[in-house]
């Protein structure tokens, strides 16, 4: 395998991993951001923000002392899914394109060159 082929495969793998990691990070950050926005908009005190939980991850205390559980609404979830898909696609399309190019041009990662 030539150094050019190794470079293409390396870029493809890095782009693919970045796409996956970016999608996960955006998904978790989006849930945390939604929770914080909800707490701030109602002037509650944040008690628990489980940013990794897709639902029932936010607990806040009202001025009267009651605790309220909040989960993302459908619009927020759909927006988060769209962002996750866009980030994943942006990372994986170049990887897929370079993989196809390398396979067509050089006969694959294990081909003798």
N, C-alpha and C. Protein backbone atom coordinates (compact mmCIF):
# COMPACT_ATOMS: atom_id res chain seq x y z
N UNK A 1 0.85 -1.16 0.00
CA UNK A 1 0.00 0.00 0.00
C UNK A 1 0.90 1.23 0.00
N UNK A 2 0.63 2.13 -0.90
CA UNK A 2 1.46 3.34 -1.01
C UNK A 2 1.11 4.32 0.12
N UNK A 3 2.00 5.28 0.30
CA UNK A 3 1.75 6.28 1.34
C UNK A 3 0.51 7.12 1.02
N UNK A 4 0.22 7.33 -0.26
CA UNK A 4 -0.98 8.07 -0.67
C UNK A 4 -2.24 7.30 -0.26
N UNK A 5 -2.21 5.99 -0.47
CA UNK A 5 -3.36 5.16 -0.08
C UNK A 5 -3.54 5.17 1.44
N UNK A 6 -2.44 5.07 2.15
CA UNK A 6 -2.52 5.10 3.61
C UNK A 6 -3.08 6.43 4.09
N UNK A 7 -2.66 7.52 3.46
CA UNK A 7 -3.17 8.83 3.82
C UNK A 7 -4.68 8.92 3.57
N UNK A 8 -5.14 8.43 2.41
CA UNK A 8 -6.58 8.45 2.12
C UNK A 8 -7.37 7.63 3.13
N UNK A 9 -6.88 6.44 3.45
CA UNK A 9 -7.56 5.60 4.43
C UNK A 9 -7.54 6.25 5.81
N UNK A 10 -6.44 6.87 6.17
CA UNK A 10 -6.36 7.55 7.46
C UNK A 10 -7.36 8.69 7.56
N UNK A 11 -7.43 9.51 6.50
CA UNK A 11 -8.39 10.61 6.48
C UNK A 11 -9.82 10.08 6.55
N UNK A 12 -10.09 9.02 5.81
CA UNK A 12 -11.44 8.43 5.80
C UNK A 12 -11.83 7.94 7.19
N UNK A 13 -10.92 7.25 7.86
CA UNK A 13 -11.22 6.72 9.20
C UNK A 13 -11.41 7.87 10.19
N UNK A 14 -10.54 8.88 10.15
CA UNK A 14 -10.66 10.02 11.06
C UNK A 14 -11.97 10.77 10.82
N UNK A 15 -12.33 10.99 9.56
CA UNK A 15 -13.59 11.69 9.25
C UNK A 15 -14.79 10.89 9.75
N UNK A 16 -14.74 9.58 9.59
CA UNK A 16 -15.84 8.73 10.05
C UNK A 16 -15.98 8.79 11.57
N UNK A 17 -14.87 8.68 12.27
CA UNK A 17 -14.90 8.73 13.74
C UNK A 17 -15.36 10.11 14.23
N UNK A 18 -14.88 11.18 13.58
CA UNK A 18 -15.32 12.52 13.96
C UNK A 18 -16.81 12.71 13.73
N UNK A 19 -17.33 12.15 12.65
CA UNK A 19 -18.77 12.24 12.39
C UNK A 19 -19.59 11.56 13.48
N UNK A 20 -19.16 10.39 13.88
CA UNK A 20 -19.87 9.67 14.94
C UNK A 20 -19.76 10.40 16.27
N UNK A 21 -18.54 10.79 16.64
CA UNK A 21 -18.33 11.49 17.92
C UNK A 21 -19.06 12.83 17.94
N UNK A 22 -19.02 13.55 16.84
CA UNK A 22 -19.72 14.83 16.77
C UNK A 22 -21.22 14.67 16.95
N UNK A 23 -21.78 13.63 16.37
CA UNK A 23 -23.21 13.38 16.51
C UNK A 23 -23.58 13.09 17.97
N UNK A 24 -22.77 12.28 18.63
CA UNK A 24 -23.05 11.97 20.04
C UNK A 24 -22.91 13.21 20.92
N UNK A 25 -21.83 13.95 20.72
CA UNK A 25 -21.60 15.15 21.53
C UNK A 25 -22.73 16.15 21.34
N UNK A 26 -23.14 16.38 20.10
CA UNK A 26 -24.23 17.33 19.84
C UNK A 26 -25.53 16.85 20.47
N UNK A 27 -25.79 15.56 20.41
CA UNK A 27 -27.00 15.03 21.03
C UNK A 27 -27.04 15.25 22.52
N UNK A 28 -25.95 14.95 23.19
CA UNK A 28 -25.91 15.12 24.64
C UNK A 28 -25.91 16.59 25.03
N UNK A 29 -25.14 17.41 24.30
CA UNK A 29 -25.10 18.84 24.60
C UNK A 29 -26.48 19.46 24.37
N UNK A 30 -27.18 19.02 23.34
CA UNK A 30 -28.51 19.55 23.05
C UNK A 30 -29.49 19.29 24.18
N UNK A 31 -29.43 18.09 24.75
CA UNK A 31 -30.30 17.75 25.88
C UNK A 31 -29.98 18.64 27.07
N UNK A 32 -28.70 18.81 27.36
CA UNK A 32 -28.29 19.65 28.48
C UNK A 32 -28.71 21.10 28.26
N UNK A 33 -28.53 21.58 27.05
CA UNK A 33 -28.89 22.96 26.73
C UNK A 33 -30.40 23.17 26.84
N UNK A 34 -31.18 22.21 26.39
CA UNK A 34 -32.64 22.30 26.49
C UNK A 34 -33.07 22.37 27.95
N UNK A 35 -32.45 21.58 28.78
CA UNK A 35 -32.78 21.57 30.20
C UNK A 35 -32.45 22.92 30.83
N UNK A 36 -31.27 23.43 30.56
CA UNK A 36 -30.86 24.71 31.14
C UNK A 36 -31.76 25.85 30.66
N UNK A 37 -32.14 25.84 29.39
CA UNK A 37 -33.04 26.86 28.86
C UNK A 37 -34.40 26.81 29.54
N UNK A 38 -34.90 25.60 29.76
CA UNK A 38 -36.20 25.43 30.42
C UNK A 38 -36.14 25.98 31.84
N UNK A 39 -35.08 25.66 32.58
CA UNK A 39 -34.94 26.14 33.96
C UNK A 39 -34.85 27.66 33.98
N UNK A 40 -34.04 28.22 33.10
CA UNK A 40 -33.87 29.68 33.07
C UNK A 40 -35.16 30.40 32.69
N UNK A 41 -35.90 29.84 31.73
CA UNK A 41 -37.12 30.50 31.27
C UNK A 41 -38.22 30.52 32.33
N UNK A 42 -38.21 29.56 33.24
CA UNK A 42 -39.21 29.50 34.30
C UNK A 42 -38.70 30.06 35.63
N UNK A 43 -37.45 30.46 35.65
CA UNK A 43 -36.81 30.99 36.86
C UNK A 43 -36.83 29.98 38.01
N UNK A 44 -36.55 28.73 37.63
CA UNK A 44 -36.45 27.67 38.63
C UNK A 44 -34.98 27.53 39.03
N UNK A 45 -34.75 26.70 40.04
CA UNK A 45 -33.39 26.38 40.46
C UNK A 45 -33.08 24.95 40.02
N UNK A 46 -32.01 24.78 39.25
CA UNK A 46 -31.65 23.46 38.73
C UNK A 46 -31.17 22.57 39.86
N UNK A 47 -31.78 21.39 39.98
CA UNK A 47 -31.40 20.43 41.00
C UNK A 47 -30.58 19.31 40.38
N UNK A 48 -31.02 18.82 39.22
CA UNK A 48 -30.35 17.69 38.57
C UNK A 48 -30.42 17.88 37.06
N UNK A 49 -29.29 17.70 36.39
CA UNK A 49 -29.24 17.79 34.94
C UNK A 49 -28.46 16.58 34.43
N UNK A 50 -29.15 15.50 34.21
CA UNK A 50 -28.51 14.30 33.66
C UNK A 50 -28.47 14.45 32.15
N UNK A 51 -27.42 15.08 31.64
CA UNK A 51 -27.32 15.41 30.23
C UNK A 51 -27.29 14.17 29.35
N UNK A 52 -26.98 13.02 29.90
CA UNK A 52 -26.91 11.79 29.12
C UNK A 52 -28.29 11.14 28.96
N UNK A 53 -29.27 11.57 29.73
CA UNK A 53 -30.60 10.96 29.67
C UNK A 53 -31.46 11.69 28.64
N UNK A 54 -32.04 10.96 27.72
CA UNK A 54 -32.86 11.59 26.68
C UNK A 54 -34.22 12.04 27.22
N UNK A 55 -34.67 11.49 28.31
CA UNK A 55 -35.91 11.97 28.90
C UNK A 55 -35.80 11.88 30.42
N UNK A 56 -36.59 12.69 31.08
CA UNK A 56 -36.62 12.77 32.53
C UNK A 56 -35.23 13.05 33.11
N UNK A 57 -34.44 13.84 32.40
CA UNK A 57 -33.09 14.09 32.83
C UNK A 57 -32.90 15.41 33.54
N UNK A 58 -33.97 16.16 33.72
CA UNK A 58 -33.84 17.50 34.29
C UNK A 58 -34.82 17.65 35.45
N UNK A 59 -34.30 17.97 36.60
CA UNK A 59 -35.13 18.20 37.78
C UNK A 59 -34.84 19.61 38.28
N UNK A 60 -35.90 20.36 38.52
CA UNK A 60 -35.75 21.73 38.99
C UNK A 60 -36.63 21.96 40.21
N UNK A 61 -36.25 22.96 41.00
CA UNK A 61 -37.03 23.32 42.19
C UNK A 61 -37.68 24.67 41.93
N UNK A 62 -38.98 24.74 42.17
CA UNK A 62 -39.72 25.98 41.99
C UNK A 62 -39.46 26.90 43.18
N UNK A 63 -39.85 28.17 43.05
CA UNK A 63 -39.69 29.08 44.20
C UNK A 63 -40.45 28.62 45.44
N UNK A 64 -41.51 27.82 45.26
CA UNK A 64 -42.27 27.33 46.41
C UNK A 64 -41.64 26.08 47.03
N UNK A 65 -40.61 25.53 46.40
CA UNK A 65 -39.92 24.36 46.95
C UNK A 65 -40.30 23.04 46.30
N UNK A 66 -41.27 23.04 45.41
CA UNK A 66 -41.67 21.80 44.74
C UNK A 66 -40.64 21.43 43.68
N UNK A 67 -40.46 20.12 43.49
CA UNK A 67 -39.54 19.67 42.45
C UNK A 67 -40.34 19.23 41.22
N UNK A 68 -39.86 19.65 40.07
CA UNK A 68 -40.52 19.35 38.80
C UNK A 68 -39.53 18.62 37.90
N UNK A 69 -40.02 17.56 37.26
CA UNK A 69 -39.20 16.80 36.31
C UNK A 69 -39.55 17.27 34.91
N UNK A 70 -38.53 17.48 34.10
CA UNK A 70 -38.72 17.96 32.73
C UNK A 70 -38.06 16.99 31.75
N UNK A 71 -38.76 16.72 30.66
CA UNK A 71 -38.14 15.97 29.57
C UNK A 71 -38.30 16.78 28.30
N UNK A 72 -37.46 16.50 27.33
CA UNK A 72 -37.50 17.25 26.08
C UNK A 72 -38.84 17.07 25.38
N UNK A 73 -39.28 18.12 24.72
CA UNK A 73 -40.48 18.00 23.92
C UNK A 73 -40.10 17.45 22.54
N UNK A 74 -41.11 17.06 21.78
CA UNK A 74 -40.88 16.43 20.48
C UNK A 74 -40.11 17.35 19.53
N UNK A 75 -40.42 18.64 19.52
CA UNK A 75 -39.74 19.57 18.62
C UNK A 75 -38.25 19.63 18.95
N UNK A 76 -37.94 19.69 20.22
CA UNK A 76 -36.54 19.75 20.63
C UNK A 76 -35.82 18.46 20.27
N UNK A 77 -36.49 17.32 20.46
CA UNK A 77 -35.88 16.04 20.10
C UNK A 77 -35.65 15.96 18.60
N UNK A 78 -36.63 16.40 17.81
CA UNK A 78 -36.49 16.35 16.36
C UNK A 78 -35.35 17.25 15.89
N UNK A 79 -35.24 18.43 16.49
CA UNK A 79 -34.14 19.32 16.14
C UNK A 79 -32.80 18.69 16.50
N UNK A 80 -32.73 18.07 17.65
CA UNK A 80 -31.51 17.38 18.06
C UNK A 80 -31.16 16.25 17.12
N UNK A 81 -32.16 15.47 16.73
CA UNK A 81 -31.91 14.37 15.78
C UNK A 81 -31.43 14.90 14.44
N UNK A 82 -32.00 16.00 13.98
CA UNK A 82 -31.59 16.59 12.71
C UNK A 82 -30.13 17.05 12.77
N UNK A 83 -29.78 17.71 13.87
CA UNK A 83 -28.39 18.13 14.03
C UNK A 83 -27.45 16.94 14.10
N UNK A 84 -27.83 15.91 14.85
CA UNK A 84 -27.00 14.73 14.94
C UNK A 84 -26.80 14.09 13.57
N UNK A 85 -27.86 13.99 12.80
CA UNK A 85 -27.77 13.41 11.46
C UNK A 85 -26.89 14.27 10.56
N UNK A 86 -27.03 15.59 10.64
CA UNK A 86 -26.23 16.48 9.80
C UNK A 86 -24.74 16.38 10.15
N UNK A 87 -24.42 16.34 11.42
CA UNK A 87 -23.02 16.23 11.83
C UNK A 87 -22.46 14.88 11.43
N UNK A 88 -23.23 13.83 11.63
CA UNK A 88 -22.79 12.49 11.25
C UNK A 88 -22.55 12.43 9.74
N UNK A 89 -23.47 12.99 8.97
CA UNK A 89 -23.34 12.99 7.51
C UNK A 89 -22.13 13.79 7.06
N UNK A 90 -21.94 14.95 7.65
CA UNK A 90 -20.80 15.78 7.28
C UNK A 90 -19.47 15.08 7.54
N UNK A 91 -19.43 14.26 8.56
CA UNK A 91 -18.21 13.53 8.87
C UNK A 91 -18.05 12.26 8.06
N UNK A 92 -19.15 11.59 7.76
CA UNK A 92 -19.03 10.28 7.12
C UNK A 92 -19.09 10.33 5.59
N UNK A 93 -19.71 11.34 5.01
CA UNK A 93 -19.75 11.40 3.54
C UNK A 93 -18.36 11.52 2.92
N UNK A 94 -17.50 12.40 3.43
CA UNK A 94 -16.14 12.42 2.87
C UNK A 94 -15.42 11.09 3.06
N UNK A 95 -15.65 10.45 4.21
CA UNK A 95 -15.02 9.16 4.46
C UNK A 95 -15.52 8.12 3.46
N UNK A 96 -16.82 8.10 3.24
CA UNK A 96 -17.38 7.14 2.28
C UNK A 96 -16.87 7.44 0.87
N UNK A 97 -16.82 8.70 0.51
CA UNK A 97 -16.33 9.08 -0.81
C UNK A 97 -14.88 8.68 -1.02
N UNK A 98 -14.04 8.94 -0.01
CA UNK A 98 -12.64 8.57 -0.14
C UNK A 98 -12.45 7.06 -0.16
N UNK A 99 -13.28 6.35 0.58
CA UNK A 99 -13.21 4.89 0.58
C UNK A 99 -13.56 4.36 -0.79
N UNK A 100 -14.63 4.85 -1.38
CA UNK A 100 -15.02 4.42 -2.72
C UNK A 100 -13.93 4.76 -3.74
N UNK A 101 -13.39 5.96 -3.64
CA UNK A 101 -12.31 6.37 -4.55
C UNK A 101 -11.10 5.45 -4.41
N UNK A 102 -10.72 5.15 -3.18
CA UNK A 102 -9.56 4.29 -2.97
C UNK A 102 -9.80 2.88 -3.49
N UNK A 103 -11.01 2.36 -3.29
CA UNK A 103 -11.33 1.02 -3.77
C UNK A 103 -11.34 0.99 -5.30
N UNK A 104 -11.96 1.98 -5.93
CA UNK A 104 -12.02 2.02 -7.39
C UNK A 104 -10.65 2.26 -8.01
N UNK A 105 -9.92 3.20 -7.48
CA UNK A 105 -8.64 3.58 -8.09
C UNK A 105 -7.52 2.59 -7.78
N UNK A 106 -7.48 2.12 -6.53
CA UNK A 106 -6.34 1.31 -6.10
C UNK A 106 -6.68 -0.15 -5.82
N UNK A 107 -7.93 -0.51 -5.94
CA UNK A 107 -8.30 -1.92 -5.74
C UNK A 107 -8.49 -2.31 -4.30
N UNK A 108 -8.66 -1.36 -3.39
CA UNK A 108 -8.97 -1.69 -2.01
C UNK A 108 -7.78 -1.55 -1.09
N UNK A 109 -8.03 -1.67 0.21
CA UNK A 109 -6.98 -1.43 1.19
C UNK A 109 -5.90 -2.51 1.19
N UNK A 110 -6.22 -3.72 0.75
CA UNK A 110 -5.25 -4.80 0.78
C UNK A 110 -4.64 -5.10 -0.58
N UNK A 111 -4.97 -4.31 -1.58
CA UNK A 111 -4.47 -4.59 -2.92
C UNK A 111 -2.99 -4.25 -3.04
N UNK A 112 -2.31 -5.05 -3.80
CA UNK A 112 -0.87 -4.79 -4.02
C UNK A 112 -0.74 -3.63 -4.99
N UNK A 113 0.17 -2.72 -4.72
CA UNK A 113 0.30 -1.55 -5.57
C UNK A 113 1.67 -1.44 -6.03
